[in-house]
Protein backbone atom coordinates (compact mmCIF):
# COMPACT_ATOMS: atom_id res chain seq x y z
CA MET A 1 27.95 6.47 -18.76
CA SER A 2 28.61 2.74 -18.35
CA VAL A 3 32.36 3.38 -18.33
CA ALA A 4 31.89 6.14 -15.74
CA GLU A 5 29.78 3.75 -13.62
CA PHE A 6 32.53 1.15 -13.76
CA ALA A 7 35.07 3.75 -12.59
CA LEU A 8 32.83 4.61 -9.63
CA TRP A 9 32.48 0.93 -8.71
CA VAL A 10 36.27 0.59 -8.75
CA ALA A 11 36.70 3.68 -6.57
CA LEU A 12 34.12 2.35 -4.12
CA GLY A 13 35.83 -1.04 -4.02
CA ILE A 14 39.24 0.52 -3.28
CA LEU A 15 37.84 2.54 -0.37
CA PHE A 16 35.84 -0.44 0.88
CA TRP A 17 38.78 -2.84 1.00
CA ARG A 18 41.30 -0.25 2.17
CA LYS A 19 39.22 0.28 5.32
CA ALA A 20 38.87 -3.50 5.77
CA LEU A 21 35.08 -3.28 5.60
CA HIS A 22 34.99 -6.71 3.93
CA ARG A 23 35.34 -8.24 7.41
CA ARG A 24 32.18 -6.50 8.57
CA PHE A 25 30.21 -6.82 5.32
CA PRO A 26 31.49 -9.91 3.44
CA ALA A 27 28.40 -10.15 1.22
CA MET A 28 28.80 -6.51 0.20
CA SER A 29 32.42 -7.27 -0.64
CA ALA A 30 31.36 -10.16 -2.87
CA TYR A 31 28.80 -7.88 -4.54
CA LEU A 32 31.51 -5.32 -5.32
CA VAL A 33 33.73 -8.05 -6.78
CA LEU A 34 30.86 -9.21 -8.96
CA ARG A 35 30.24 -5.69 -10.23
CA ILE A 36 33.89 -4.85 -10.87
CA VAL A 37 34.64 -8.11 -12.68
CA SER A 38 31.44 -8.48 -14.69
CA THR A 39 31.02 -4.89 -15.91
CA PRO A 40 34.05 -4.74 -18.25
CA ALA A 41 33.40 -8.28 -19.50
CA LEU A 42 29.78 -7.48 -20.37
CA LEU A 43 30.76 -4.15 -21.95
CA ALA A 44 33.31 -5.96 -24.13
CA ALA A 45 30.72 -8.56 -25.16
CA ALA A 46 28.21 -5.82 -25.98
CA TYR A 47 30.83 -4.07 -28.13
CA LEU A 48 31.69 -7.28 -29.99
CA GLN A 49 28.03 -7.68 -30.94
CA THR A 50 28.34 -4.62 -33.17
CA LYS A 51 30.79 -6.46 -35.42
CA PRO A 52 29.56 -8.24 -38.55
CA TRP A 53 30.08 -11.60 -36.87
CA GLY A 54 28.65 -10.38 -33.55
CA HIS A 55 25.53 -12.54 -33.78
CA GLU A 56 27.63 -15.45 -32.52
CA ILE A 57 28.42 -13.52 -29.32
CA TYR A 58 24.80 -12.75 -28.49
CA PRO A 59 23.90 -16.08 -26.76
CA LEU A 60 27.02 -15.83 -24.59
CA TYR A 61 26.22 -12.22 -23.71
CA PHE A 62 22.56 -13.00 -23.00
CA TYR A 63 23.17 -15.83 -20.54
CA ALA A 64 26.17 -14.12 -18.91
CA ASP A 65 24.19 -10.92 -18.36
CA TRP A 66 21.26 -12.72 -16.73
CA ALA A 67 23.58 -14.95 -14.70
CA VAL A 68 25.26 -11.86 -13.23
CA TYR A 69 21.81 -10.37 -12.57
CA LEU A 70 20.73 -13.56 -10.77
CA ALA A 71 23.93 -13.70 -8.71
CA GLY A 72 23.45 -10.04 -7.75
CA ALA A 73 19.89 -10.73 -6.60
CA ALA A 74 21.07 -13.63 -4.42
CA LEU A 75 23.86 -11.54 -2.89
CA LEU A 76 21.44 -8.73 -2.10
CA PHE A 77 19.51 -11.05 0.22
CA PHE A 78 22.69 -11.63 2.23
CA ILE A 79 23.55 -7.90 2.15
CA CYS A 80 20.16 -7.06 3.70
CA PHE A 81 20.90 -9.69 6.34
CA GLU A 82 24.26 -8.03 7.12
CA ILE A 83 22.76 -4.55 7.29
CA LEU A 84 20.05 -5.67 9.71
CA ARG A 85 22.59 -7.50 11.88
CA SER A 86 24.83 -4.43 12.04
CA ALA A 87 21.91 -2.10 12.85
CA LEU A 88 20.69 -4.34 15.71
CA SER A 89 24.13 -5.17 17.09
CA ALA A 90 23.48 -3.12 20.26
CA PHE A 91 20.46 -5.30 21.08
CA PRO A 92 21.51 -8.99 21.07
CA GLY A 93 18.03 -10.29 21.82
CA LEU A 94 16.31 -8.28 19.11
CA MET A 95 19.12 -9.10 16.68
CA LYS A 96 18.69 -12.85 17.16
CA PHE A 97 14.91 -12.65 16.89
CA GLY A 98 14.95 -10.16 14.00
CA LEU A 99 17.42 -12.18 11.93
CA MET A 100 15.34 -15.31 12.43
CA ILE A 101 12.21 -13.49 11.19
CA PHE A 102 14.15 -12.00 8.27
CA LYS A 103 15.31 -15.45 7.14
CA TRP A 104 11.75 -16.74 7.03
CA VAL A 105 10.49 -13.63 5.25
CA ALA A 106 13.26 -13.94 2.64
CA VAL A 107 12.51 -17.63 2.04
CA ILE A 108 8.75 -17.03 1.79
CA SER A 109 9.17 -14.07 -0.56
CA ALA A 110 11.47 -16.10 -2.83
CA ILE A 111 9.01 -19.02 -2.89
CA VAL A 112 6.08 -16.73 -3.68
CA SER A 113 8.06 -15.01 -6.44
CA LEU A 114 9.04 -18.29 -8.09
CA ALA A 115 5.71 -20.07 -7.60
CA SER A 116 4.03 -18.37 -10.56
CA LEU A 117 6.87 -18.86 -13.04
CA PRO A 118 5.80 -19.89 -16.56
CA PHE A 119 8.02 -22.98 -16.77
CA ALA A 120 6.84 -23.62 -20.31
CA ARG A 121 9.13 -20.81 -21.50
CA THR A 122 12.35 -22.79 -21.19
CA GLY A 123 14.37 -20.39 -23.29
CA LEU A 124 13.67 -17.38 -21.07
CA LEU A 125 13.51 -19.22 -17.74
CA ILE A 126 16.73 -17.70 -16.41
CA SER A 127 15.50 -14.17 -17.14
CA ASP A 128 12.15 -14.82 -15.45
CA ILE A 129 13.81 -16.28 -12.34
CA SER A 130 16.32 -13.43 -12.13
CA PHE A 131 13.70 -10.71 -12.59
CA ARG A 132 11.31 -12.15 -9.98
CA LEU A 133 14.06 -12.65 -7.40
CA MET A 134 15.31 -9.12 -7.96
CA ARG A 135 11.77 -7.79 -7.54
CA SER A 136 11.32 -9.59 -4.20
CA VAL A 137 14.71 -8.48 -2.86
CA SER A 138 13.98 -4.90 -3.94
CA ILE A 139 10.83 -4.94 -1.80
CA LEU A 140 12.89 -6.26 1.13
CA GLU A 141 15.41 -3.45 0.65
CA LEU A 142 12.70 -0.79 0.73
CA CYS A 143 11.15 -2.36 3.85
CA LEU A 144 14.56 -2.50 5.52
CA LEU A 145 15.23 1.17 4.76
CA ALA A 146 11.79 2.13 6.11
CA PHE A 147 12.45 0.12 9.29
CA LEU A 148 15.80 1.83 9.87
CA CYS A 149 14.35 5.29 9.24
CA LEU A 150 11.43 4.75 11.61
CA GLY A 151 13.48 3.03 14.33
CA MET A 152 16.64 5.11 14.11
CA SER A 153 16.11 6.97 17.39
CA ALA A 154 15.01 3.87 19.29
CA LEU A 155 17.97 1.85 18.01
CA ARG A 156 20.39 4.71 18.78
CA LEU A 157 21.54 4.55 15.14
CA SER A 158 23.38 7.52 13.65
CA PRO A 159 22.54 8.68 10.09
CA ARG A 160 26.29 8.43 9.39
CA ASN A 161 26.37 4.74 10.27
CA LEU A 162 27.58 2.54 7.41
CA ALA A 163 24.67 0.15 7.76
CA PHE A 164 22.22 3.00 7.24
CA GLY A 165 24.31 4.37 4.33
CA PHE A 166 24.27 1.03 2.49
CA ALA A 167 20.54 0.61 3.18
CA LEU A 168 19.90 4.12 1.85
CA GLY A 169 21.80 3.39 -1.36
CA PHE A 170 20.04 0.10 -2.01
CA GLY A 171 16.69 1.72 -1.25
CA VAL A 172 17.37 4.40 -3.87
CA LEU A 173 18.40 1.73 -6.41
CA SER A 174 15.26 -0.32 -5.70
CA ALA A 175 12.97 2.68 -6.05
CA ASN A 176 14.84 3.59 -9.24
CA GLU A 177 14.20 0.14 -10.71
CA PHE A 178 10.50 0.22 -9.81
CA VAL A 179 10.02 3.67 -11.34
CA LEU A 180 11.90 2.63 -14.48
CA SER A 181 9.85 -0.54 -15.03
CA CYS A 182 6.52 1.22 -14.36
CA PHE A 183 7.32 4.25 -16.52
CA LEU A 184 8.60 2.26 -19.48
CA SER A 185 5.54 0.02 -19.46
CA ALA A 186 3.39 3.13 -20.02
CA HIS A 187 5.80 5.23 -22.14
CA SER A 188 8.01 2.84 -24.09
CA SER A 189 8.90 5.57 -26.60
CA LEU A 190 10.89 7.47 -23.93
CA LEU A 191 13.47 4.73 -23.46
CA ALA A 192 16.59 6.87 -23.95
CA PRO A 193 15.78 9.78 -21.56
CA VAL A 194 14.40 7.40 -18.91
CA GLN A 195 17.53 5.27 -19.04
CA THR A 196 19.64 8.42 -18.73
CA ALA A 197 17.72 9.43 -15.60
CA TYR A 198 18.07 5.88 -14.26
CA GLN A 199 21.84 5.91 -14.82
CA SER A 200 22.10 9.32 -13.15
CA LEU A 201 20.47 7.96 -9.98
CA VAL A 202 22.94 5.06 -10.05
CA PHE A 203 25.74 7.65 -10.06
CA VAL A 204 24.11 9.39 -7.09
CA THR A 205 23.92 6.10 -5.18
CA LEU A 206 27.57 5.27 -5.83
CA ALA A 207 28.56 8.80 -4.76
CA ILE A 208 26.63 8.31 -1.49
CA TRP A 209 28.43 5.04 -0.81
CA ILE A 210 31.82 6.53 -1.63
CA ALA A 211 31.15 9.41 0.77
CA TYR A 212 30.10 7.02 3.55
CA CYS A 213 33.23 4.90 3.05
CA ALA A 214 35.55 7.92 2.81
CA LEU A 215 34.27 9.83 5.84
CA PRO A 216 35.06 8.52 9.33
CA GLU A 217 32.21 6.58 10.86
CA PRO A 218 31.21 7.78 14.36
CA ALA A 219 31.80 5.19 17.07
CA ARG A 220 28.60 3.64 18.28
CA LYS A 221 28.22 4.37 22.00
CA PRO A 222 26.86 1.79 24.44
CA VAL A 223 23.10 1.98 24.69
CA VAL A 224 21.92 3.19 28.10
CA MET A 225 18.18 3.18 28.73
CA PRO A 226 15.82 2.94 31.68
CA VAL A 227 14.40 -0.42 32.73
CA THR A 228 10.91 0.83 31.90
CA SER A 229 11.86 1.39 28.23
CA ARG A 230 9.80 -0.63 25.77
CA ILE A 231 12.73 -1.56 23.56
CA TYR A 232 14.60 -2.79 26.64
CA ARG A 233 11.69 -5.05 27.55
CA TRP A 234 11.40 -6.27 23.95
CA ASN A 235 15.11 -7.06 23.92
CA GLU A 236 14.78 -9.01 27.21
CA ILE A 237 11.76 -10.94 25.92
CA ALA A 238 13.54 -11.74 22.63
CA SER A 239 16.62 -12.90 24.57
CA ALA A 240 14.50 -15.25 26.66
CA LEU A 241 12.81 -16.83 23.62
CA GLY A 242 14.22 -20.23 22.81
CA HIS A 243 16.06 -20.70 26.11
CA THR A 244 15.34 -23.92 28.01
CA GLY A 245 15.75 -24.76 31.65
CA THR A 246 14.55 -21.40 32.91
CA GLN A 247 13.80 -21.30 36.64
CA VAL A 248 10.27 -20.10 37.32
CA ALA A 249 9.31 -18.82 40.77
CA MET A 250 5.93 -20.21 41.80
CA GLN A 251 3.81 -17.83 43.83
CA GLN A 252 1.16 -19.08 46.25
CA PRO A 253 -2.40 -18.13 45.36
CA ALA A 254 -3.82 -15.10 47.05
CA ASN A 255 -6.55 -17.09 48.86
CA SER A 256 -3.94 -19.13 50.83
CA PHE A 257 -3.61 -16.26 53.31
CA PHE A 258 -7.40 -16.25 53.84
CA LEU A 259 -7.45 -20.00 54.50
CA THR A 260 -4.63 -19.68 57.01
CA ASP A 261 -6.57 -17.02 58.96
CA VAL A 262 -9.70 -19.16 58.98
CA GLU A 263 -7.77 -22.14 60.35
CA LYS A 264 -6.35 -19.97 63.17
CA VAL A 265 -9.82 -18.69 64.13
CA VAL A 266 -11.23 -22.24 64.20
CA GLU A 267 -8.37 -23.44 66.41
CA LYS A 268 -8.98 -20.56 68.88
CA VAL A 269 -12.71 -21.35 69.07
CA LEU A 270 -12.06 -25.05 69.66
CA LYS A 271 -9.48 -24.31 72.32
CA ARG A 272 -11.86 -21.90 74.08
CA ASN A 273 -14.65 -24.49 74.07
CA LEU A 274 -12.34 -27.17 75.48
CA ASP A 275 -11.20 -24.82 78.25
CA GLY A 276 -14.84 -24.04 79.13
CA GLN A 277 -15.77 -27.74 79.34
CA GLU A 278 -12.79 -28.47 81.57
CA SER A 279 -13.76 -25.64 83.95
CA GLU A 280 -17.36 -26.90 84.24
CA MET A 281 -16.23 -30.47 85.04
CA SER A 282 -13.96 -29.24 87.76
């Protein structure tokens, strides 16, 4: 199954680069390179461990495996950033504001994940860091998929859009990892069938991505909406945030009209009194 997974990664990479999608999703391209290069190397190292002298290969395999896992977790943060930017490309204001919020959420989630690390375990520190970062980025992937599903109609996003397809695949992988970790903690004796089910869902995810890359993506039409639309107002508000030197029209208070009328009445009364005094003197 690992060899079949590697073949699917290669097929996905060929379709991805043939359509020049690396220009639109550079982080996804780097993630594919990492998978395609590391998978055969790790499989070869795992095979060499079965030899009588394989115990010498284990430290190299251990650190290389967790280093690839850590690099994959870091790249997934940037992939989520690319997916969100592509999904909000029709709304420049919301895109700028949303990406800024996403950066802070990613930084805070990484800090919270690493804050409780048991630094006394120096030998397994790389595995702890990698696992906690992957857990935080998996939560971000599920939140991103939920956001796209709930806001698809408002964002005028087609289900056949590549950004949604990649988000769907990573959401399935994240849910797969959570289910695997929770199930194995309660039923450790069912390791083999659970891993088989896990690998099957990985195949399904790769098949989804291959289908999205192979099929033509519908062109995204310009978004036309009424001025009274909420998302239009949100986009305008987000575009105005952070801009300096904005001209503000000052409106006179409502009671200025009342004061003007009072002044006119007083002037008429004074003029009438002066006219009456002049007539009496004459």
